[in-house]
Amino acid sequence: MSADASNRREFLKDSGKWILLTGAATLAWDYVVEGAPEQAPNYNASEHWWGMIIDIEKCIGCGQCVRACKKENDVPLSPEYFRTWVERYVIDMDNMEHPFVESPNGGYNGFADLKQYGDGAKVFFVPKICNHCAHSPCVQVCPVGATFESPDGVVLVDKERCVGCRYCQMSCPFNVPRFEFDKAIPKIVKCELCRHRGDSRVDGPLAIANPACAEVCPRGAVVYGKRSELTELARARIAADAEATLPDLIEACKKLITDECG
């Protein structure tokens, strides 16, 4: 057995001490620790692939998700520290190629009313949350294997192994991994879908409660769940907004969903 595999097993074994597991999840956990979750008799990882829908049509920039994330994950209140933030995009119809983007204090306090743009400007908000990419760049560049993908599709950071090189931070196209500049021995931290919150309503060794950002969103702009269920929800929302959405965008979304999810 390699040293990396041994250390990874120790990390997962220790995680089981503080993640609240259901009876079915407890049965499967031993298989996850051994690196063979597919062998668990009661667990199918493909049926529990976690994900999120980010619906910018519904986001109102209230900052609830940012505040909830900081509170849930003990993120410093200083404006330099975020695991979730919101950006406002303003597109002037006379200069569409150069949108104005702002995120004062990460959207923690919401956004002030716009005054410098006319009624013709297109304004929308975008919650910024880790995409938990498949074949994540951050996972690929980590020299010590501290950043890794769980069997259920969640990108995690083993802080015991992290050496603070920040390669993951530089490789991420979404600027998600954050460096703990406030710590004496800084590590990388990022959104982990609030994996520490146990939920007795679902099964699976890495089953977690509704992440804080999704739990507090008043408009359903951030929705967490199983990928199979989210795919159906995405299809339903696209169909419902067919008249309000550009036809070519609808077709692009349909093709993406078909290609990725079947």
C-alpha atoms as a PDB file:
ATOM      1  CA  MET A   1       0.000   0.000   0.000  1.00  0.00           C
ATOM      2  CA  SER A   2       1.338   3.454  -0.877  1.00  0.00           C
ATOM      3  CA  ALA A   3       1.874   6.123   1.776  1.00  0.00           C
ATOM      4  CA  ASP A   4      -0.664   8.367   0.006  1.00  0.00           C
ATOM      5  CA  ALA A   5      -3.362   5.684   0.137  1.00  0.00           C
ATOM      6  CA  SER A   6      -2.626   4.997   3.789  1.00  0.00           C
ATOM      7  CA  ASN A   7      -2.834   8.676   4.736  1.00  0.00           C
ATOM      8  CA  ARG A   8      -6.056   9.123   2.781  1.00  0.00           C
ATOM      9  CA  ARG A   9      -7.612   6.226   4.635  1.00  0.00           C
ATOM     10  CA  GLU A  10      -6.590   7.714   7.969  1.00  0.00           C
ATOM     11  CA  PHE A  11      -8.194  11.021   6.975  1.00  0.00           C
ATOM     12  CA  LEU A  12     -11.473   9.355   6.019  1.00  0.00           C
ATOM     13  CA  LYS A  13     -11.394   7.197   9.136  1.00  0.00           C
ATOM     14  CA  ASP A  14     -10.980  10.288  11.331  1.00  0.00           C
ATOM     15  CA  SER A  15     -13.727  12.088   9.379  1.00  0.00           C
ATOM     16  CA  GLY A  16     -16.132   9.351  10.397  1.00  0.00           C
ATOM     17  CA  LYS A  17     -15.722  10.457  14.004  1.00  0.00           C
ATOM     18  CA  TRP A  18     -17.366  13.830  13.408  1.00  0.00           C
ATOM     19  CA  ILE A  19     -19.659  13.293  10.433  1.00  0.00           C
ATOM     20  CA  LEU A  20     -23.102  12.196  11.621  1.00  0.00           C
ATOM     21  CA  LEU A  21     -23.962   9.054   9.658  1.00  0.00           C
ATOM     22  CA  THR A  22     -27.266   7.244   9.289  1.00  0.00           C
ATOM     23  CA  GLY A  23     -27.451   3.496   9.817  1.00  0.00           C
ATOM     24  CA  ALA A  24     -27.160   2.789   6.098  1.00  0.00           C
ATOM     25  CA  ALA A  25     -24.299   5.253   5.742  1.00  0.00           C
ATOM     26  CA  THR A  26     -22.449   3.672   8.671  1.00  0.00           C
ATOM     27  CA  LEU A  27     -22.596   0.312   6.920  1.00  0.00           C
ATOM     28  CA  ALA A  28     -21.076   1.826   3.773  1.00  0.00           C
ATOM     29  CA  TRP A  29     -18.437   3.933   5.526  1.00  0.00           C
ATOM     30  CA  ASP A  30     -15.975   1.063   6.069  1.00  0.00           C
ATOM     31  CA  TYR A  31     -15.909   0.495   2.320  1.00  0.00           C
ATOM     32  CA  VAL A  32     -15.173   4.160   1.677  1.00  0.00           C
ATOM     33  CA  VAL A  33     -12.286   4.094   4.148  1.00  0.00           C
ATOM     34  CA  GLU A  34     -10.870   1.079   2.315  1.00  0.00           C
ATOM     35  CA  GLY A  35     -11.108   2.951  -0.982  1.00  0.00           C
ATOM     36  CA  ALA A  36     -13.819   0.693  -2.426  1.00  0.00           C
ATOM     37  CA  PRO A  37     -17.181   2.483  -1.969  1.00  0.00           C
ATOM     38  CA  GLU A  38     -18.591   0.680  -5.009  1.00  0.00           C
ATOM     39  CA  GLN A  39     -18.416  -2.569  -3.047  1.00  0.00           C
ATOM     40  CA  ALA A  40     -20.750  -1.383  -0.293  1.00  0.00           C
ATOM     41  CA  PRO A  41     -23.881  -3.557  -0.416  1.00  0.00           C
ATOM     42  CA  ASN A  42     -26.291  -0.685   0.225  1.00  0.00           C
ATOM     43  CA  TYR A  43     -24.705   2.250  -1.540  1.00  0.00           C
ATOM     44  CA  ASN A  44     -24.500   3.323  -5.163  1.00  0.00           C
ATOM     45  CA  ALA A  45     -22.266   6.378  -5.553  1.00  0.00           C
ATOM     46  CA  SER A  46     -23.787   7.202  -8.940  1.00  0.00           C
ATOM     47  CA  GLU A  47     -27.147   7.654  -7.228  1.00  0.00           C
ATOM     48  CA  HIS A  48     -25.689  10.056  -4.679  1.00  0.00           C
ATOM     49  CA  TRP A  49     -23.601  12.374  -6.810  1.00  0.00           C
ATOM     50  CA  TRP A  50     -24.049  15.734  -5.150  1.00  0.00           C
ATOM     51  CA  GLY A  51     -24.343  19.030  -6.968  1.00  0.00           C
ATOM     52  CA  MET A  52     -25.932  22.458  -7.056  1.00  0.00           C
ATOM     53  CA  ILE A  53     -28.052  24.552  -9.361  1.00  0.00           C
ATOM     54  CA  ILE A  54     -27.111  28.227  -9.497  1.00  0.00           C
ATOM     55  CA  ASP A  55     -30.040  30.099 -11.051  1.00  0.00           C
ATOM     56  CA  ILE A  56     -28.978  33.670 -11.768  1.00  0.00           C
ATOM     57  CA  GLU A  57     -32.485  34.526 -12.927  1.00  0.00           C
ATOM     58  CA  LYS A  58     -33.645  34.078  -9.343  1.00  0.00           C
ATOM     59  CA  CYS A  59     -30.720  35.637  -7.438  1.00  0.00           C
ATOM     60  CA  ILE A  60     -31.550  39.088  -6.005  1.00  0.00           C
ATOM     61  CA  GLY A  61     -28.157  39.830  -4.455  1.00  0.00           C
ATOM     62  CA  CYS A  62     -29.442  39.895  -0.875  1.00  0.00           C
ATOM     63  CA  GLY A  63     -26.216  38.448   0.565  1.00  0.00           C
ATOM     64  CA  GLN A  64     -27.980  35.855   2.704  1.00  0.00           C
ATOM     65  CA  CYS A  65     -25.830  33.048   1.330  1.00  0.00           C
ATOM     66  CA  VAL A  66     -22.614  34.958   2.040  1.00  0.00           C
ATOM     67  CA  ARG A  67     -23.572  35.692   5.634  1.00  0.00           C
ATOM     68  CA  ALA A  68     -24.755  32.131   6.255  1.00  0.00           C
ATOM     69  CA  CYS A  69     -21.565  30.657   4.809  1.00  0.00           C
ATOM     70  CA  LYS A  70     -19.330  32.793   6.989  1.00  0.00           C
ATOM     71  CA  LYS A  71     -21.294  31.937  10.108  1.00  0.00           C
ATOM     72  CA  GLU A  72     -21.501  28.210   9.384  1.00  0.00           C
ATOM     73  CA  ASN A  73     -17.836  27.799   8.492  1.00  0.00           C
ATOM     74  CA  ASP A  74     -16.288  30.291  10.939  1.00  0.00           C
ATOM     75  CA  VAL A  75     -14.963  32.428   8.095  1.00  0.00           C
ATOM     76  CA  PRO A  76     -13.453  35.730   9.332  1.00  0.00           C
ATOM     77  CA  LEU A  77     -15.709  38.735   8.813  1.00  0.00           C
ATOM     78  CA  SER A  78     -12.911  40.688   7.156  1.00  0.00           C
ATOM     79  CA  PRO A  79     -13.693  41.521   3.501  1.00  0.00           C
ATOM     80  CA  GLU A  80     -10.709  39.457   2.298  1.00  0.00           C
ATOM     81  CA  TYR A  81     -12.145  36.118   3.415  1.00  0.00           C
ATOM     82  CA  PHE A  82     -14.913  34.258   1.598  1.00  0.00           C
ATOM     83  CA  ARG A  83     -15.924  30.767   0.569  1.00  0.00           C
ATOM     84  CA  THR A  84     -19.101  32.043  -1.067  1.00  0.00           C
ATOM     85  CA  TRP A  85     -19.617  35.487  -2.518  1.00  0.00           C
ATOM     86  CA  VAL A  86     -21.947  37.296  -4.918  1.00  0.00           C
ATOM     87  CA  GLU A  87     -21.072  39.488  -7.893  1.00  0.00           C
ATOM     88  CA  ARG A  88     -23.297  42.032  -9.636  1.00  0.00           C
ATOM     89  CA  TYR A  89     -23.012  42.385 -13.390  1.00  0.00           C
ATOM     90  CA  VAL A  90     -24.237  45.491 -15.186  1.00  0.00           C
ATOM     91  CA  ILE A  91     -24.346  45.397 -18.979  1.00  0.00           C
ATOM     92  CA  ASP A  92     -24.815  48.707 -20.762  1.00  0.00           C
ATOM     93  CA  MET A  93     -26.603  48.057 -24.033  1.00  0.00           C
ATOM     94  CA  ASP A  94     -24.293  50.591 -25.713  1.00  0.00           C
ATOM     95  CA  ASN A  95     -21.166  48.786 -24.491  1.00  0.00           C
ATOM     96  CA  MET A  96     -22.114  45.134 -24.104  1.00  0.00           C
ATOM     97  CA  GLU A  97     -18.567  43.832 -24.486  1.00  0.00           C
ATOM     98  CA  HIS A  98     -17.391  45.519 -21.295  1.00  0.00           C
ATOM     99  CA  PRO A  99     -19.771  44.705 -18.421  1.00  0.00           C
ATOM    100  CA  PHE A 100     -19.292  46.405 -15.085  1.00  0.00           C
ATOM    101  CA  VAL A 101     -18.712  43.826 -12.320  1.00  0.00           C
ATOM    102  CA  GLU A 102     -18.678  44.577  -8.615  1.00  0.00           C
ATOM    103  CA  SER A 103     -18.744  42.659  -5.357  1.00  0.00           C
ATOM    104  CA  PRO A 104     -18.501  45.056  -2.407  1.00  0.00           C
ATOM    105  CA  ASN A 105     -17.474  43.033   0.637  1.00  0.00           C
ATOM    106  CA  GLY A 106     -18.328  39.925  -1.354  1.00  0.00           C
ATOM    107  CA  GLY A 107     -21.986  40.922  -1.333  1.00  0.00           C
ATOM    108  CA  TYR A 108     -22.115  40.345   2.424  1.00  0.00           C
ATOM    109  CA  ASN A 109     -24.235  43.472   2.949  1.00  0.00           C
ATOM    110  CA  GLY A 110     -26.142  43.270  -0.314  1.00  0.00           C
ATOM    111  CA  PHE A 111     -25.799  45.884  -3.023  1.00  0.00           C
ATOM    112  CA  ALA A 112     -26.587  49.594  -3.199  1.00  0.00           C
ATOM    113  CA  ASP A 113     -29.087  50.902  -5.734  1.00  0.00           C
ATOM    114  CA  LEU A 114     -27.663  51.628  -9.151  1.00  0.00           C
ATOM    115  CA  LYS A 115     -27.569  55.296 -10.062  1.00  0.00           C
ATOM    116  CA  GLN A 116     -25.155  55.654 -12.936  1.00  0.00           C
ATOM    117  CA  TYR A 117     -26.959  53.425 -15.459  1.00  0.00           C
ATOM    118  CA  GLY A 118     -30.160  53.999 -17.348  1.00  0.00           C
ATOM    119  CA  ASP A 119     -33.223  51.812 -17.537  1.00  0.00           C
ATOM    120  CA  GLY A 120     -31.835  49.999 -20.572  1.00  0.00           C
ATOM    121  CA  ALA A 121     -29.014  48.344 -18.626  1.00  0.00           C
ATOM    122  CA  LYS A 122     -29.145  44.613 -17.967  1.00  0.00           C
ATOM    123  CA  VAL A 123     -28.433  43.818 -14.326  1.00  0.00           C
ATOM    124  CA  PHE A 124     -28.059  40.393 -12.733  1.00  0.00           C
ATOM    125  CA  PHE A 125     -26.363  38.740  -9.766  1.00  0.00           C
ATOM    126  CA  VAL A 126     -24.157  35.647  -9.770  1.00  0.00           C
ATOM    127  CA  PRO A 127     -23.537  33.623  -6.572  1.00  0.00           C
ATOM    128  CA  LYS A 128     -19.950  32.366  -6.623  1.00  0.00           C
ATOM    129  CA  ILE A 129     -19.627  28.903  -5.112  1.00  0.00           C
ATOM    130  CA  CYS A 130     -17.198  26.063  -5.729  1.00  0.00           C
ATOM    131  CA  ASN A 131     -18.325  24.102  -8.785  1.00  0.00           C
ATOM    132  CA  HIS A 132     -16.833  20.850  -7.463  1.00  0.00           C
ATOM    133  CA  CYS A 133     -15.604  20.141 -10.967  1.00  0.00           C
ATOM    134  CA  ALA A 134     -15.150  16.681 -12.390  1.00  0.00           C
ATOM    135  CA  HIS A 135     -11.429  16.189 -13.026  1.00  0.00           C
ATOM    136  CA  SER A 136     -10.828  19.373 -11.034  1.00  0.00           C
ATOM    137  CA  PRO A 137      -7.747  21.450 -11.919  1.00  0.00           C
ATOM    138  CA  CYS A 138      -7.104  21.988  -8.212  1.00  0.00           C
ATOM    139  CA  VAL A 139      -6.967  18.232  -7.659  1.00  0.00           C
ATOM    140  CA  GLN A 140      -4.671  17.689 -10.619  1.00  0.00           C
ATOM    141  CA  VAL A 141      -2.041  20.250  -9.600  1.00  0.00           C
ATOM    142  CA  CYS A 142      -1.828  19.524  -5.868  1.00  0.00           C
ATOM    143  CA  PRO A 143       1.689  18.106  -5.349  1.00  0.00           C
ATOM    144  CA  VAL A 144       0.827  16.272  -2.121  1.00  0.00           C
ATOM    145  CA  GLY A 145      -2.698  15.020  -2.839  1.00  0.00           C
ATOM    146  CA  ALA A 146      -4.270  17.267  -0.203  1.00  0.00           C
ATOM    147  CA  THR A 147      -7.047  18.287  -2.589  1.00  0.00           C
ATOM    148  CA  PHE A 148      -9.073  15.307  -3.736  1.00  0.00           C
ATOM    149  CA  GLU A 149     -12.477  14.232  -5.032  1.00  0.00           C
ATOM    150  CA  SER A 150     -14.725  12.199  -2.758  1.00  0.00           C
ATOM    151  CA  PRO A 151     -16.543   9.132  -4.109  1.00  0.00           C
ATOM    152  CA  ASP A 152     -19.679  11.270  -4.287  1.00  0.00           C
ATOM    153  CA  GLY A 153     -18.214  14.099  -6.320  1.00  0.00           C
ATOM    154  CA  VAL A 154     -17.319  16.608  -3.596  1.00  0.00           C
ATOM    155  CA  VAL A 155     -13.902  18.276  -3.894  1.00  0.00           C
ATOM    156  CA  LEU A 156     -12.320  18.280  -0.425  1.00  0.00           C
ATOM    157  CA  VAL A 157      -9.108  19.534   1.173  1.00  0.00           C
ATOM    158  CA  ASP A 158      -7.178  17.462   3.686  1.00  0.00           C
ATOM    159  CA  LYS A 159      -5.687  20.252   5.793  1.00  0.00           C
ATOM    160  CA  GLU A 160      -3.333  17.830   7.520  1.00  0.00           C
ATOM    161  CA  ARG A 161      -1.595  17.241   4.198  1.00  0.00           C
ATOM    162  CA  CYS A 162      -1.893  20.737   2.723  1.00  0.00           C
ATOM    163  CA  VAL A 163       1.484  22.515   2.573  1.00  0.00           C
ATOM    164  CA  GLY A 164       0.083  25.897   1.570  1.00  0.00           C
ATOM    165  CA  CYS A 165       1.792  26.018  -1.835  1.00  0.00           C
ATOM    166  CA  ARG A 166      -1.329  27.641  -3.377  1.00  0.00           C
ATOM    167  CA  TYR A 167      -1.024  25.721  -6.642  1.00  0.00           C
ATOM    168  CA  CYS A 168      -4.735  24.906  -6.396  1.00  0.00           C
ATOM    169  CA  GLN A 169      -5.536  28.577  -5.937  1.00  0.00           C
ATOM    170  CA  MET A 170      -3.615  29.509  -9.065  1.00  0.00           C
ATOM    171  CA  SER A 171      -5.122  26.700 -11.137  1.00  0.00           C
ATOM    172  CA  CYS A 172      -8.774  27.344 -10.283  1.00  0.00           C
ATOM    173  CA  PRO A 173     -10.467  29.387 -13.053  1.00  0.00           C
ATOM    174  CA  PHE A 174     -13.179  30.447 -10.594  1.00  0.00           C
ATOM    175  CA  ASN A 175     -10.929  31.819  -7.834  1.00  0.00           C
ATOM    176  CA  VAL A 176     -12.465  29.482  -5.249  1.00  0.00           C
ATOM    177  CA  PRO A 177      -9.615  28.140  -3.050  1.00  0.00           C
ATOM    178  CA  ARG A 178      -8.630  30.695  -0.406  1.00  0.00           C
ATOM    179  CA  PHE A 179      -5.425  31.023   1.573  1.00  0.00           C
ATOM    180  CA  GLU A 180      -5.552  31.518   5.351  1.00  0.00           C
ATOM    181  CA  PHE A 181      -3.444  34.646   5.556  1.00  0.00           C
ATOM    182  CA  ASP A 182      -4.662  35.181   9.122  1.00  0.00           C
ATOM    183  CA  LYS A 183      -3.169  31.908  10.410  1.00  0.00           C
ATOM    184  CA  ALA A 184       0.353  31.280  11.716  1.00  0.00           C
ATOM    185  CA  ILE A 185       0.503  28.105   9.606  1.00  0.00           C
ATOM    186  CA  PRO A 186      -1.795  28.958   6.704  1.00  0.00           C
ATOM    187  CA  LYS A 187      -3.564  26.319   4.649  1.00  0.00           C
ATOM    188  CA  ILE A 188      -6.030  26.324   1.783  1.00  0.00           C
ATOM    189  CA  VAL A 189      -9.758  26.402   2.550  1.00  0.00           C
ATOM    190  CA  LYS A 190     -12.712  26.242   0.195  1.00  0.00           C
ATOM    191  CA  CYS A 191     -16.388  25.417  -0.085  1.00  0.00           C
ATOM    192  CA  GLU A 192     -16.933  21.760   0.808  1.00  0.00           C
ATOM    193  CA  LEU A 193     -20.746  21.844   0.594  1.00  0.00           C
ATOM    194  CA  CYS A 194     -20.975  22.026   4.387  1.00  0.00           C
ATOM    195  CA  ARG A 195     -20.028  18.345   4.628  1.00  0.00           C
ATOM    196  CA  HIS A 196     -19.827  18.621   8.410  1.00  0.00           C
ATOM    197  CA  ARG A 197     -23.606  18.985   8.712  1.00  0.00           C
ATOM    198  CA  GLY A 198     -25.161  15.553   9.202  1.00  0.00           C
ATOM    199  CA  ASP A 199     -28.617  14.829   7.795  1.00  0.00           C
ATOM    200  CA  SER A 200     -30.655  11.810   8.877  1.00  0.00           C
ATOM    201  CA  ARG A 201     -32.985  12.182   5.886  1.00  0.00           C
ATOM    202  CA  VAL A 202     -30.529  10.878   3.290  1.00  0.00           C
ATOM    203  CA  ASP A 203     -28.210   7.924   2.865  1.00  0.00           C
ATOM    204  CA  GLY A 204     -24.589   7.647   1.789  1.00  0.00           C
ATOM    205  CA  PRO A 205     -21.197   7.857   3.485  1.00  0.00           C
ATOM    206  CA  LEU A 206     -20.746  11.497   2.503  1.00  0.00           C
ATOM    207  CA  ALA A 207     -24.391  12.523   2.705  1.00  0.00           C
ATOM    208  CA  ILE A 208     -24.652  16.002   4.125  1.00  0.00           C
ATOM    209  CA  ALA A 209     -27.364  18.415   5.119  1.00  0.00           C
ATOM    210  CA  ASN A 210     -28.490  21.271   2.930  1.00  0.00           C
ATOM    211  CA  PRO A 211     -25.449  23.589   2.701  1.00  0.00           C
ATOM    212  CA  ALA A 212     -25.944  26.854   4.554  1.00  0.00           C
ATOM    213  CA  CYS A 213     -26.046  28.955   1.385  1.00  0.00           C
ATOM    214  CA  ALA A 214     -28.829  26.862  -0.149  1.00  0.00           C
ATOM    215  CA  GLU A 215     -30.730  26.629   3.121  1.00  0.00           C
ATOM    216  CA  VAL A 216     -31.140  30.392   3.547  1.00  0.00           C
ATOM    217  CA  CYS A 217     -31.667  31.477  -0.080  1.00  0.00           C
ATOM    218  CA  PRO A 218     -35.118  33.127  -0.143  1.00  0.00           C
ATOM    219  CA  ARG A 219     -35.589  32.652  -3.890  1.00  0.00           C
ATOM    220  CA  GLY A 220     -34.253  29.175  -4.565  1.00  0.00           C
ATOM    221  CA  ALA A 221     -31.368  30.571  -6.593  1.00  0.00           C
ATOM    222  CA  VAL A 222     -29.032  28.058  -4.963  1.00  0.00           C
ATOM    223  CA  VAL A 223     -30.401  24.518  -4.844  1.00  0.00           C
ATOM    224  CA  TYR A 224     -28.495  21.512  -3.499  1.00  0.00           C
ATOM    225  CA  GLY A 225     -29.249  17.868  -4.113  1.00  0.00           C
ATOM    226  CA  LYS A 226     -28.497  14.708  -6.046  1.00  0.00           C
ATOM    227  CA  ARG A 227     -27.325  15.352  -9.561  1.00  0.00           C
ATOM    228  CA  SER A 228     -30.048  13.176 -11.085  1.00  0.00           C
ATOM    229  CA  GLU A 229     -32.749  15.206  -9.329  1.00  0.00           C
ATOM    230  CA  LEU A 230     -31.084  18.526 -10.137  1.00  0.00           C
ATOM    231  CA  THR A 231     -31.017  17.611 -13.812  1.00  0.00           C
ATOM    232  CA  GLU A 232     -34.793  17.222 -13.790  1.00  0.00           C
ATOM    233  CA  LEU A 233     -35.207  20.500 -11.932  1.00  0.00           C
ATOM    234  CA  ALA A 234     -32.952  22.271 -14.441  1.00  0.00           C
ATOM    235  CA  ARG A 235     -34.997  20.924 -17.325  1.00  0.00           C
ATOM    236  CA  ALA A 236     -38.204  22.085 -15.662  1.00  0.00           C
ATOM    237  CA  ARG A 237     -36.871  25.591 -15.041  1.00  0.00           C
ATOM    238  CA  ILE A 238     -35.580  25.915 -18.596  1.00  0.00           C
ATOM    239  CA  ALA A 239     -38.980  24.856 -19.943  1.00  0.00           C
ATOM    240  CA  ALA A 240     -40.798  27.267 -17.634  1.00  0.00           C
ATOM    241  CA  ASP A 241     -38.610  30.193 -18.729  1.00  0.00           C
ATOM    242  CA  ALA A 242     -38.707  29.318 -22.410  1.00  0.00           C
ATOM    243  CA  GLU A 243     -40.402  32.554 -23.430  1.00  0.00           C
ATOM    244  CA  ALA A 244     -38.076  34.695 -21.347  1.00  0.00           C
ATOM    245  CA  THR A 245     -34.844  33.018 -22.417  1.00  0.00           C
ATOM    246  CA  LEU A 246     -33.026  33.263 -25.727  1.00  0.00           C
ATOM    247  CA  PRO A 247     -33.801  30.213 -27.900  1.00  0.00           C
ATOM    248  CA  ASP A 248     -30.156  29.538 -28.664  1.00  0.00           C
ATOM    249  CA  LEU A 249     -29.348  29.558 -24.938  1.00  0.00           C
ATOM    250  CA  ILE A 250     -32.128  27.050 -24.299  1.00  0.00           C
ATOM    251  CA  GLU A 251     -30.755  24.726 -26.944  1.00  0.00           C
ATOM    252  CA  ALA A 252     -27.233  25.082 -25.562  1.00  0.00           C
ATOM    253  CA  CYS A 253     -28.433  24.171 -22.061  1.00  0.00           C
ATOM    254  CA  LYS A 254     -30.415  21.197 -23.351  1.00  0.00           C
ATOM    255  CA  LYS A 255     -27.385  19.927 -25.243  1.00  0.00           C
ATOM    256  CA  LEU A 256     -25.157  20.349 -22.199  1.00  0.00           C
ATOM    257  CA  ILE A 257     -27.565  18.437 -19.973  1.00  0.00           C
ATOM    258  CA  THR A 258     -27.948  15.684 -22.560  1.00  0.00           C
ATOM    259  CA  ASP A 259     -24.209  15.356 -23.124  1.00  0.00           C
ATOM    260  CA  GLU A 260     -23.347  15.373 -19.427  1.00  0.00           C
ATOM    261  CA  CYS A 261     -26.237  13.480 -17.904  1.00  0.00           C
ATOM    262  CA  GLY A 262     -27.871  11.525 -20.704  1.00  0.00           C
END
